[in-house]
């Protein structure tokens, strides 16, 4: 039986968790209000000075600064608050701010329909992309842009034998589960001669992707169509990509088998998934915790809503290889590219 001290320690951990969870919302609020950028390189500031710089309410800024100081992100000395250079590097100049915006947007969207999500969680019916709102879709797009840089994606394509040359010569690319189209547009920008198509079952995402392509100046070279993964159109593709989308699908084997049928001779499938180990115990760390939580709230419910099998966000290389070989691929191998957030596999018939 647990001792009082052990139970109290757990309560203490719960309080720590609640502070961190609510704290991430305040951090994202600070980014949206321009507080983090205004503090970067500014030295020690009073709440009133920071409020004046950002056009925000002094009383709110005062409590916000206390929150960040308690969390260790802001340094407090004699009534003034200072943003350390390393925090500015991570949250203002690095990917930290985008990660915050992405995850908080997705959480807010889930919270807005939490009762319905709870029912879906209990019954296993799933909770589809279309059942969430634009805040969730926006968050996923921001997360993709933060974790899948153009240099990484193009570097991975360059490692696929003959594929980059085929694209430079006018070959075609299919992005399955393209969402708002960030990877699709990246590929079009780096391979201007290629014919690029993105597909997604979600019509609102396709509308957003078309708008993004026009704004990026590639609207005349990129097409987006509403289509489920197993109904993706076309044929003769030099490259089919799944960028953090396979684990969201209800039938990953069927999706990969269909992709294989669409490849040109010598064509490849490029699979980008969250970085994970095969064994659960090897994923029980800070990053694994984040992705398991995301899988519980976002990825697995999306896959279950399609009436199929849910891989989970941290499937690991062995399970992904098994899925690919079941789909008929004879070659499944890791792509030697630096990818701090991703597991990258090449597949060929």
Foldseek 3Di string as FASTA:
>chain_A
DDDPVVVVVVVVVVVVVVLVVVLLVLVLVCVVQVQLVLQAPPAWDALVRSCVVRVHDSVVSNVSQVSCVVVPQWPDDDRTIHGDNVSCCPCPVALNVLLSQLVVLLVVQCVVVVVVLVVCLVVVLFQAPVNTDPSNLVSVVSVCCRQPPLVQVVLLQVLQPPLLVCLLVAFEEEEAQCFLNPVQLSVCVVRVNYQYEYEEQDPVRQVNNLVVCVVVVNNVRYYYDNDHLLGDDAAAGQEYEYAQCLLQAQQSLSSLLSVQRRHHVSHKYKYKAWDAAQDPVRLPDDVSVVQQVCQSRPRSSNNSNNVHDGCGRHNHDVNVVVSNVSSPWPDWDFRPGDRPTITIIMTHD
